[in-house]
PDB file of all heavy atoms in Angstrom:
ATOM      1  N   ARG A   1      -4.807 -12.328  -1.731  1.00  0.00           N
ATOM      2  CA  ARG A   1      -5.677 -13.484  -1.316  1.00  0.00           C
ATOM      3  C   ARG A   1      -5.938 -13.354   0.245  1.00  0.00           C
ATOM      4  O   ARG A   1      -5.058 -13.665   1.027  1.00  0.00           O
ATOM      5  CB  ARG A   1      -4.976 -14.693  -1.723  1.00  0.00           C
ATOM      6  CG  ARG A   1      -4.640 -14.864  -3.138  1.00  0.00           C
ATOM      7  CD  ARG A   1      -5.840 -15.154  -3.912  1.00  0.00           C
ATOM      8  NE  ARG A   1      -5.422 -15.581  -5.264  1.00  0.00           N
ATOM      9  CZ  ARG A   1      -5.218 -14.645  -6.286  1.00  0.00           C
ATOM     10  NH1 ARG A   1      -5.511 -13.395  -6.061  1.00  0.00           N
ATOM     11  NH2 ARG A   1      -4.966 -15.021  -7.523  1.00  0.00           N
ATOM     12  N   LEU A   2      -7.224 -13.001   0.661  1.00  0.00           N
ATOM     13  CA  LEU A   2      -7.493 -12.931   2.046  1.00  0.00           C
ATOM     14  C   LEU A   2      -8.740 -13.885   2.316  1.00  0.00           C
ATOM     15  O   LEU A   2      -9.632 -14.007   1.409  1.00  0.00           O
ATOM     16  CB  LEU A   2      -7.748 -11.465   2.403  1.00  0.00           C
ATOM     17  CG  LEU A   2      -6.557 -10.560   2.455  1.00  0.00           C
ATOM     18  CD1 LEU A   2      -7.103  -9.119   2.889  1.00  0.00           C
ATOM     19  CD2 LEU A   2      -5.512 -11.043   3.369  1.00  0.00           C
ATOM     20  N   LYS A   3      -8.676 -14.509   3.408  1.00  0.00           N
ATOM     21  CA  LYS A   3      -9.857 -15.356   3.758  1.00  0.00           C
ATOM     22  C   LYS A   3     -11.089 -14.490   3.877  1.00  0.00           C
ATOM     23  O   LYS A   3     -11.104 -13.485   4.411  1.00  0.00           O
ATOM     24  CB  LYS A   3      -9.526 -15.959   5.171  1.00  0.00           C
ATOM     25  CG  LYS A   3     -10.440 -16.952   5.699  1.00  0.00           C
ATOM     26  CD  LYS A   3     -10.035 -17.705   6.920  1.00  0.00           C
ATOM     27  CE  LYS A   3     -10.903 -18.743   7.317  1.00  0.00           C
ATOM     28  NZ  LYS A   3     -10.557 -19.435   8.634  1.00  0.00           N
ATOM     29  N   GLY A   4     -12.142 -15.094   3.279  1.00  0.00           N
ATOM     30  CA  GLY A   4     -13.443 -14.405   3.290  1.00  0.00           C
ATOM     31  C   GLY A   4     -13.662 -13.688   2.129  1.00  0.00           C
ATOM     32  O   GLY A   4     -14.833 -13.044   1.975  1.00  0.00           O
ATOM     33  N   PHE A   5     -12.665 -13.429   1.133  1.00  0.00           N
ATOM     34  CA  PHE A   5     -12.891 -12.750  -0.086  1.00  0.00           C
ATOM     35  C   PHE A   5     -12.498 -13.592  -1.210  1.00  0.00           C
ATOM     36  O   PHE A   5     -11.523 -14.284  -1.110  1.00  0.00           O
ATOM     37  CB  PHE A   5     -12.095 -11.436  -0.053  1.00  0.00           C
ATOM     38  CG  PHE A   5     -12.464 -10.454   1.066  1.00  0.00           C
ATOM     39  CD1 PHE A   5     -11.763 -10.424   2.331  1.00  0.00           C
ATOM     40  CD2 PHE A   5     -13.501  -9.580   0.955  1.00  0.00           C
ATOM     41  CE1 PHE A   5     -12.143  -9.644   3.273  1.00  0.00           C
ATOM     42  CE2 PHE A   5     -13.877  -8.707   2.028  1.00  0.00           C
ATOM     43  CZ  PHE A   5     -13.136  -8.758   3.194  1.00  0.00           C
ATOM     44  N   ARG A   6     -13.141 -13.295  -2.324  1.00  0.00           N
ATOM     45  CA  ARG A   6     -12.708 -14.028  -3.561  1.00  0.00           C
ATOM     46  C   ARG A   6     -11.486 -13.497  -4.065  1.00  0.00           C
ATOM     47  O   ARG A   6     -11.144 -12.222  -3.753  1.00  0.00           O
ATOM     48  CB  ARG A   6     -13.803 -13.774  -4.650  1.00  0.00           C
ATOM     49  CG  ARG A   6     -15.100 -14.628  -4.483  1.00  0.00           C
ATOM     50  CD  ARG A   6     -16.026 -14.474  -5.653  1.00  0.00           C
ATOM     51  NE  ARG A   6     -16.447 -13.096  -5.736  1.00  0.00           N
ATOM     52  CZ  ARG A   6     -16.928 -12.551  -6.707  1.00  0.00           C
ATOM     53  NH1 ARG A   6     -16.850 -13.127  -7.986  1.00  0.00           N
ATOM     54  NH2 ARG A   6     -17.341 -11.290  -6.748  1.00  0.00           N
ATOM     55  N   PRO A   7     -10.533 -14.265  -4.577  1.00  0.00           N
ATOM     56  CA  PRO A   7      -9.346 -13.797  -5.154  1.00  0.00           C
ATOM     57  C   PRO A   7      -9.329 -12.531  -5.991  1.00  0.00           C
ATOM     58  O   PRO A   7     -10.111 -12.483  -6.803  1.00  0.00           O
ATOM     59  CB  PRO A   7      -8.700 -14.992  -5.917  1.00  0.00           C
ATOM     60  CG  PRO A   7      -9.345 -16.179  -5.353  1.00  0.00           C
ATOM     61  CD  PRO A   7     -10.769 -15.750  -4.936  1.00  0.00           C
ATOM     62  N   GLY A   8      -8.651 -11.483  -5.606  1.00  0.00           N
ATOM     63  CA  GLY A   8      -8.569 -10.253  -6.368  1.00  0.00           C
ATOM     64  C   GLY A   8      -9.812  -9.316  -6.123  1.00  0.00           C
ATOM     65  O   GLY A   8      -9.806  -8.240  -6.757  1.00  0.00           O
ATOM     66  N   LYS A   9     -10.638  -9.748  -5.197  1.00  0.00           N
ATOM     67  CA  LYS A   9     -11.796  -8.945  -4.903  1.00  0.00           C
ATOM     68  C   LYS A   9     -11.791  -8.403  -3.466  1.00  0.00           C
ATOM     69  O   LYS A   9     -12.850  -7.937  -3.038  1.00  0.00           O
ATOM     70  CB  LYS A   9     -13.169  -9.770  -5.167  1.00  0.00           C
ATOM     71  CG  LYS A   9     -13.263 -10.331  -6.472  1.00  0.00           C
ATOM     72  CD  LYS A   9     -13.408  -9.229  -7.528  1.00  0.00           C
ATOM     73  CE  LYS A   9     -13.571  -9.811  -8.973  1.00  0.00           C
ATOM     74  NZ  LYS A   9     -13.699  -8.735  -9.913  1.00  0.00           N
ATOM     75  N   VAL A  10     -10.721  -8.152  -2.916  1.00  0.00           N
ATOM     76  CA  VAL A  10     -10.623  -7.516  -1.568  1.00  0.00           C
ATOM     77  C   VAL A  10     -10.939  -6.097  -1.740  1.00  0.00           C
ATOM     78  O   VAL A  10     -10.283  -5.407  -2.502  1.00  0.00           O
ATOM     79  CB  VAL A  10      -9.199  -7.815  -0.927  1.00  0.00           C
ATOM     80  CG1 VAL A  10      -9.233  -7.205   0.443  1.00  0.00           C
ATOM     81  CG2 VAL A  10      -8.859  -9.252  -0.909  1.00  0.00           C
ATOM     82  N   PRO A  11     -11.816  -5.517  -0.963  1.00  0.00           N
ATOM     83  CA  PRO A  11     -12.171  -4.098  -1.158  1.00  0.00           C
ATOM     84  C   PRO A  11     -11.102  -3.205  -0.672  1.00  0.00           C
ATOM     85  O   PRO A  11     -10.272  -3.588   0.220  1.00  0.00           O
ATOM     86  CB  PRO A  11     -13.429  -3.940  -0.022  1.00  0.00           C
ATOM     87  CG  PRO A  11     -13.977  -5.268   0.091  1.00  0.00           C
ATOM     88  CD  PRO A  11     -12.788  -6.307  -0.101  1.00  0.00           C
ATOM     89  N   ALA A  12     -10.912  -2.078  -1.384  1.00  0.00           N
ATOM     90  CA  ALA A  12      -9.783  -1.247  -1.036  1.00  0.00           C
ATOM     91  C   ALA A  12      -9.756  -0.759   0.411  1.00  0.00           C
ATOM     92  O   ALA A  12      -8.803  -0.641   1.041  1.00  0.00           O
ATOM     93  CB  ALA A  12      -9.857  -0.016  -2.019  1.00  0.00           C
ATOM     94  N   ALA A  13     -11.073  -0.554   0.880  1.00  0.00           N
ATOM     95  CA  ALA A  13     -11.161  -0.048   2.286  1.00  0.00           C
ATOM     96  C   ALA A  13     -10.518  -1.051   3.258  1.00  0.00           C
ATOM     97  O   ALA A  13      -9.959  -0.849   4.218  1.00  0.00           O
ATOM     98  CB  ALA A  13     -12.598   0.277   2.716  1.00  0.00           C
ATOM     99  N   HIS A  14     -10.755  -2.386   2.928  1.00  0.00           N
ATOM    100  CA  HIS A  14     -10.322  -3.441   3.818  1.00  0.00           C
ATOM    101  C   HIS A  14      -8.737  -3.588   3.709  1.00  0.00           C
ATOM    102  O   HIS A  14      -8.024  -3.791   4.705  1.00  0.00           O
ATOM    103  CB  HIS A  14     -10.900  -4.740   3.423  1.00  0.00           C
ATOM    104  CG  HIS A  14     -10.650  -5.866   4.427  1.00  0.00           C
ATOM    105  ND1 HIS A  14     -11.171  -6.001   5.705  1.00  0.00           N
ATOM    106  CD2 HIS A  14      -9.710  -6.981   4.411  1.00  0.00           C
ATOM    107  CE1 HIS A  14     -10.715  -7.095   6.373  1.00  0.00           C
ATOM    108  NE2 HIS A  14      -9.943  -7.581   5.546  1.00  0.00           N
ATOM    109  N   VAL A  15      -8.219  -3.336   2.513  1.00  0.00           N
ATOM    110  CA  VAL A  15      -6.716  -3.393   2.350  1.00  0.00           C
ATOM    111  C   VAL A  15      -6.131  -2.282   3.092  1.00  0.00           C
ATOM    112  O   VAL A  15      -5.068  -2.366   3.847  1.00  0.00           O
ATOM    113  CB  VAL A  15      -6.350  -3.346   0.822  1.00  0.00           C
ATOM    114  CG1 VAL A  15      -4.840  -3.124   0.747  1.00  0.00           C
ATOM    115  CG2 VAL A  15      -7.022  -4.347   0.042  1.00  0.00           C
ATOM    116  N   LYS A  16      -6.820  -1.207   3.132  1.00  0.00           N
ATOM    117  CA  LYS A  16      -6.202   0.116   3.809  1.00  0.00           C
ATOM    118  C   LYS A  16      -6.293  -0.229   5.395  1.00  0.00           C
ATOM    119  O   LYS A  16      -5.311   0.169   6.069  1.00  0.00           O
ATOM    120  CB  LYS A  16      -7.001   1.404   3.571  1.00  0.00           C
ATOM    121  CG  LYS A  16      -6.894   1.933   2.140  1.00  0.00           C
ATOM    122  CD  LYS A  16      -7.801   3.005   1.942  1.00  0.00           C
ATOM    123  CE  LYS A  16      -7.700   3.580   0.470  1.00  0.00           C
ATOM    124  NZ  LYS A  16      -8.488   4.684   0.179  1.00  0.00           N
ATOM    125  N   LYS A  17      -7.359  -0.779   5.813  1.00  0.00           N
ATOM    126  CA  LYS A  17      -7.512  -1.053   7.244  1.00  0.00           C
ATOM    127  C   LYS A  17      -6.478  -2.008   7.699  1.00  0.00           C
ATOM    128  O   LYS A  17      -5.818  -1.930   8.755  1.00  0.00           O
ATOM    129  CB  LYS A  17      -8.909  -1.626   7.459  1.00  0.00           C
ATOM    130  CG  LYS A  17      -9.144  -1.933   9.008  1.00  0.00           C
ATOM    131  CD  LYS A  17     -10.469  -2.487   9.133  1.00  0.00           C
ATOM    132  CE  LYS A  17     -10.732  -2.961  10.776  1.00  0.00           C
ATOM    133  NZ  LYS A  17     -12.122  -3.461  10.837  1.00  0.00           N
ATOM    134  N   MET A  18      -6.139  -3.145   6.930  1.00  0.00           N
ATOM    135  CA  MET A  18      -5.184  -4.142   7.170  1.00  0.00           C
ATOM    136  C   MET A  18      -3.812  -3.728   7.122  1.00  0.00           C
ATOM    137  O   MET A  18      -2.927  -4.023   7.827  1.00  0.00           O
ATOM    138  CB  MET A  18      -5.619  -5.413   6.446  1.00  0.00           C
ATOM    139  CG  MET A  18      -6.826  -5.991   6.754  1.00  0.00           C
ATOM    140  SD  MET A  18      -7.067  -6.805   8.296  1.00  0.00           S
ATOM    141  CE  MET A  18      -5.978  -8.171   8.138  1.00  0.00           C
ATOM    142  N   PHE A  19      -3.534  -3.141   5.951  1.00  0.00           N
ATOM    143  CA  PHE A  19      -2.090  -2.909   5.599  1.00  0.00           C
ATOM    144  C   PHE A  19      -1.657  -1.405   5.242  1.00  0.00           C
ATOM    145  O   PHE A  19      -0.615  -1.195   4.681  1.00  0.00           O
ATOM    146  CB  PHE A  19      -1.765  -3.851   4.425  1.00  0.00           C
ATOM    147  CG  PHE A  19      -2.147  -5.212   4.500  1.00  0.00           C
ATOM    148  CD1 PHE A  19      -3.205  -5.729   3.818  1.00  0.00           C
ATOM    149  CD2 PHE A  19      -1.429  -6.085   5.248  1.00  0.00           C
ATOM    150  CE1 PHE A  19      -3.556  -7.073   3.863  1.00  0.00           C
ATOM    151  CE2 PHE A  19      -1.827  -7.355   5.387  1.00  0.00           C
ATOM    152  CZ  PHE A  19      -2.852  -7.902   4.670  1.00  0.00           C
ATOM    153  N   GLY A  20      -2.662  -0.637   5.536  1.00  0.00           N
ATOM    154  CA  GLY A  20      -2.394   0.876   5.214  1.00  0.00           C
ATOM    155  C   GLY A  20      -1.142   1.466   5.570  1.00  0.00           C
ATOM    156  O   GLY A  20      -0.471   2.115   4.748  1.00  0.00           O
ATOM    157  N   LYS A  21      -0.788   1.269   6.892  1.00  0.00           N
ATOM    158  CA  LYS A  21       0.395   1.874   7.303  1.00  0.00           C
ATOM    159  C   LYS A  21       1.710   1.464   6.709  1.00  0.00           C
ATOM    160  O   LYS A  21       2.526   2.227   6.311  1.00  0.00           O
ATOM    161  CB  LYS A  21       0.534   1.703   8.877  1.00  0.00           C
ATOM    162  CG  LYS A  21       1.319   2.739   9.632  1.00  0.00           C
ATOM    163  CD  LYS A  21       0.443   3.402  10.722  1.00  0.00           C
ATOM    164  CE  LYS A  21       1.362   4.592  11.437  1.00  0.00           C
ATOM    165  NZ  LYS A  21       0.470   5.174  12.491  1.00  0.00           N
ATOM    166  N   SER A  22       1.713   0.113   6.592  1.00  0.00           N
ATOM    167  CA  SER A  22       2.983  -0.512   5.892  1.00  0.00           C
ATOM    168  C   SER A  22       3.009  -0.011   4.371  1.00  0.00           C
ATOM    169  O   SER A  22       4.193   0.320   3.888  1.00  0.00           O
ATOM    170  CB  SER A  22       2.943  -1.957   5.990  1.00  0.00           C
ATOM    171  OG  SER A  22       1.912  -2.547   5.320  1.00  0.00           O
ATOM    172  N   ILE A  23       1.821  -0.005   3.782  1.00  0.00           N
ATOM    173  CA  ILE A  23       1.832   0.451   2.327  1.00  0.00           C
ATOM    174  C   ILE A  23       2.259   1.855   2.272  1.00  0.00           C
ATOM    175  O   ILE A  23       3.050   2.241   1.360  1.00  0.00           O
ATOM    176  CB  ILE A  23       0.566   0.211   1.662  1.00  0.00           C
ATOM    177  CG1 ILE A  23       0.099  -1.354   1.568  1.00  0.00           C
ATOM    178  CG2 ILE A  23       0.412   0.786   0.288  1.00  0.00           C
ATOM    179  CD1 ILE A  23      -1.260  -1.702   1.251  1.00  0.00           C
ATOM    180  N   MET A  24       1.743   2.747   3.085  1.00  0.00           N
ATOM    181  CA  MET A  24       2.143   4.197   3.107  1.00  0.00           C
ATOM    182  C   MET A  24       3.579   4.283   3.356  1.00  0.00           C
ATOM    183  O   MET A  24       4.231   5.156   2.770  1.00  0.00           O
ATOM    184  CB  MET A  24       1.281   5.000   4.102  1.00  0.00           C
ATOM    185  CG  MET A  24       1.613   6.430   4.118  1.00  0.00           C
ATOM    186  SD  MET A  24       1.406   7.242   2.469  1.00  0.00           S
ATOM    187  CE  MET A  24      -0.345   7.866   2.606  1.00  0.00           C
ATOM    188  N   GLY A  25       4.107   3.503   4.287  1.00  0.00           N
ATOM    189  CA  GLY A  25       5.608   3.503   4.521  1.00  0.00           C
ATOM    190  C   GLY A  25       6.396   3.228   3.208  1.00  0.00           C
ATOM    191  O   GLY A  25       7.418   4.004   3.075  1.00  0.00           O
ATOM    192  N   GLU A  26       5.969   2.293   2.370  1.00  0.00           N
ATOM    193  CA  GLU A  26       6.628   2.029   1.151  1.00  0.00           C
ATOM    194  C   GLU A  26       6.539   3.245   0.221  1.00  0.00           C
ATOM    195  O   GLU A  26       7.446   3.598  -0.475  1.00  0.00           O
ATOM    196  CB  GLU A  26       6.035   0.792   0.522  1.00  0.00           C
ATOM    197  CG  GLU A  26       6.274  -0.567   1.244  1.00  0.00           C
ATOM    198  CD  GLU A  26       5.538  -1.732   0.641  1.00  0.00           C
ATOM    199  OE1 GLU A  26       5.122  -1.569  -0.485  1.00  0.00           O
ATOM    200  OE2 GLU A  26       5.414  -2.748   1.293  1.00  0.00           O
ATOM    201  N   VAL A  27       5.218   3.885   0.188  1.00  0.00           N
ATOM    202  CA  VAL A  27       5.078   5.040  -0.668  1.00  0.00           C
ATOM    203  C   VAL A  27       6.025   6.138  -0.259  1.00  0.00           C
ATOM    204  O   VAL A  27       6.670   6.834  -1.169  1.00  0.00           O
ATOM    205  CB  VAL A  27       3.675   5.430  -0.506  1.00  0.00           C
ATOM    206  CG1 VAL A  27       3.316   6.740  -1.238  1.00  0.00           C
ATOM    207  CG2 VAL A  27       2.675   4.382  -1.277  1.00  0.00           C
ATOM    208  N   VAL A  28       6.025   6.393   0.997  1.00  0.00           N
ATOM    209  CA  VAL A  28       6.840   7.491   1.537  1.00  0.00           C
ATOM    210  C   VAL A  28       8.372   7.301   1.289  1.00  0.00           C
ATOM    211  O   VAL A  28       9.173   8.137   0.775  1.00  0.00           O
ATOM    212  CB  VAL A  28       6.844   7.656   3.059  1.00  0.00           C
ATOM    213  CG1 VAL A  28       7.806   8.557   3.577  1.00  0.00           C
ATOM    214  CG2 VAL A  28       5.395   8.318   3.370  1.00  0.00           C
ATOM    215  N   GLU A  29       8.849   6.018   1.397  1.00  0.00           N
ATOM    216  CA  GLU A  29      10.242   5.598   1.024  1.00  0.00           C
ATOM    217  C   GLU A  29      10.521   5.893  -0.433  1.00  0.00           C
ATOM    218  O   GLU A  29      11.520   6.431  -0.720  1.00  0.00           O
ATOM    219  CB  GLU A  29      10.562   4.185   1.462  1.00  0.00           C
ATOM    220  CG  GLU A  29      11.928   3.847   1.198  1.00  0.00           C
ATOM    221  CD  GLU A  29      12.134   2.310   1.786  1.00  0.00           C
ATOM    222  OE1 GLU A  29      11.284   1.707   2.323  1.00  0.00           O
ATOM    223  OE2 GLU A  29      13.236   1.860   1.365  1.00  0.00           O
ATOM    224  N   ALA A  30       9.606   5.399  -1.288  1.00  0.00           N
ATOM    225  CA  ALA A  30       9.810   5.625  -2.749  1.00  0.00           C
ATOM    226  C   ALA A  30       9.850   7.102  -3.023  1.00  0.00           C
ATOM    227  O   ALA A  30      10.597   7.551  -3.939  1.00  0.00           O
ATOM    228  CB  ALA A  30       8.755   4.886  -3.396  1.00  0.00           C
ATOM    229  N   ALA A  31       8.862   7.960  -2.436  1.00  0.00           N
ATOM    230  CA  ALA A  31       8.767   9.339  -2.724  1.00  0.00           C
ATOM    231  C   ALA A  31       9.966  10.054  -2.364  1.00  0.00           C
ATOM    232  O   ALA A  31      10.545  10.931  -3.017  1.00  0.00           O
ATOM    233  CB  ALA A  31       7.540   9.824  -1.995  1.00  0.00           C
ATOM    234  N   MET A  32      10.639   9.617  -1.168  1.00  0.00           N
ATOM    235  CA  MET A  32      11.979  10.334  -0.726  1.00  0.00           C
ATOM    236  C   MET A  32      13.046   9.934  -1.757  1.00  0.00           C
ATOM    237  O   MET A  32      13.838  10.773  -2.108  1.00  0.00           O
ATOM    238  CB  MET A  32      12.327   9.815   0.643  1.00  0.00           C
ATOM    239  CG  MET A  32      11.378  10.321   1.731  1.00  0.00           C
ATOM    240  SD  MET A  32      11.982   9.858   3.416  1.00  0.00           S
ATOM    241  CE  MET A  32      13.527  10.856   3.563  1.00  0.00           C
ATOM    242  N   LYS A  33      13.106   8.652  -2.210  1.00  0.00           N
ATOM    243  CA  LYS A  33      14.081   8.291  -3.102  1.00  0.00           C
ATOM    244  C   LYS A  33      13.934   9.021  -4.387  1.00  0.00           C
ATOM    245  O   LYS A  33      14.930   9.644  -4.915  1.00  0.00           O
ATOM    246  CB  LYS A  33      14.036   6.742  -3.380  1.00  0.00           C
ATOM    247  CG  LYS A  33      15.232   6.235  -4.343  1.00  0.00           C
ATOM    248  CD  LYS A  33      14.948   4.678  -4.293  1.00  0.00           C
ATOM    249  CE  LYS A  33      16.111   4.226  -5.202  1.00  0.00           C
ATOM    250  NZ  LYS A  33      16.014   4.540  -6.495  1.00  0.00           N
ATOM    251  N   GLU A  34      12.749   9.083  -4.909  1.00  0.00           N
ATOM    252  CA  GLU A  34      12.515   9.599  -6.266  1.00  0.00           C
ATOM    253  C   GLU A  34      12.698  11.164  -6.173  1.00  0.00           C
ATOM    254  O   GLU A  34      13.366  11.752  -7.057  1.00  0.00           O
ATOM    255  CB  GLU A  34      11.107   9.425  -6.753  1.00  0.00           C
ATOM    256  CG  GLU A  34      10.830   7.972  -7.219  1.00  0.00           C
ATOM    257  CD  GLU A  34       9.399   7.667  -7.343  1.00  0.00           C
ATOM    258  OE1 GLU A  34       8.573   8.650  -7.670  1.00  0.00           O
ATOM    259  OE2 GLU A  34       8.974   6.477  -7.279  1.00  0.00           O
ATOM    260  N   SER A  35      12.203  11.814  -5.228  1.00  0.00           N
ATOM    261  CA  SER A  35      12.348  13.232  -5.072  1.00  0.00           C
ATOM    262  C   SER A  35      13.842  13.694  -4.856  1.00  0.00           C
ATOM    263  O   SER A  35      14.262  14.700  -5.369  1.00  0.00           O
ATOM    264  CB  SER A  35      11.479  13.821  -3.977  1.00  0.00           C
ATOM    265  OG  SER A  35      11.607  13.256  -2.662  1.00  0.00           O
ATOM    266  N   SER A  36      14.615  13.039  -4.010  1.00  0.00           N
ATOM    267  CA  SER A  36      15.922  13.323  -3.860  1.00  0.00           C
ATOM    268  C   SER A  36      16.766  13.017  -5.120  1.00  0.00           C
ATOM    269  O   SER A  36      17.664  13.873  -5.413  1.00  0.00           O
ATOM    270  CB  SER A  36      16.528  12.335  -2.710  1.00  0.00           C
ATOM    271  OG  SER A  36      16.505  11.094  -3.091  1.00  0.00           O
ATOM    272  N   GLU A  37      16.460  12.051  -5.926  1.00  0.00           N
ATOM    273  CA  GLU A  37      17.151  11.786  -7.177  1.00  0.00           C
ATOM    274  C   GLU A  37      16.828  12.927  -8.169  1.00  0.00           C
ATOM    275  O   GLU A  37      17.695  13.410  -8.905  1.00  0.00           O
ATOM    276  CB  GLU A  37      16.790  10.493  -7.745  1.00  0.00           C
ATOM    277  CG  GLU A  37      17.443   9.337  -6.976  1.00  0.00           C
ATOM    278  CD  GLU A  37      16.870   7.947  -7.418  1.00  0.00           C
ATOM    279  OE1 GLU A  37      15.976   7.883  -8.264  1.00  0.00           O
ATOM    280  OE2 GLU A  37      17.507   6.871  -7.018  1.00  0.00           O
ATOM    281  N   LYS A  38      15.474  13.257  -8.114  1.00  0.00           N
ATOM    282  CA  LYS A  38      15.097  14.363  -9.022  1.00  0.00           C
ATOM    283  C   LYS A  38      15.647  15.739  -8.684  1.00  0.00           C
ATOM    284  O   LYS A  38      16.146  16.537  -9.597  1.00  0.00           O
ATOM    285  CB  LYS A  38      13.594  14.569  -8.920  1.00  0.00           C
ATOM    286  CG  LYS A  38      12.962  15.577 -10.062  1.00  0.00           C
ATOM    287  CD  LYS A  38      11.498  15.607  -9.969  1.00  0.00           C
ATOM    288  CE  LYS A  38      10.984  16.464 -11.069  1.00  0.00           C
ATOM    289  NZ  LYS A  38      11.437  17.797 -11.179  1.00  0.00           N
ATOM    290  N   ALA A  39      15.910  16.110  -7.325  1.00  0.00           N
ATOM    291  CA  ALA A  39      16.518  17.238  -6.931  1.00  0.00           C
ATOM    292  C   ALA A  39      17.959  17.333  -7.402  1.00  0.00           C
ATOM    293  O   ALA A  39      18.438  18.433  -7.898  1.00  0.00           O
ATOM    294  CB  ALA A  39      16.574  17.310  -5.423  1.00  0.00           C
TER     295      ALA A  39
END
């Protein structure tokens, strides 16, 4: 829910611009956990 956009209609490009780094941080953390457990 972001100001200026209808609920659920925020463009992916805008999400990446606003929150990309923190989302990628979560992805990296999950990837490290999963890959270490798999190893």
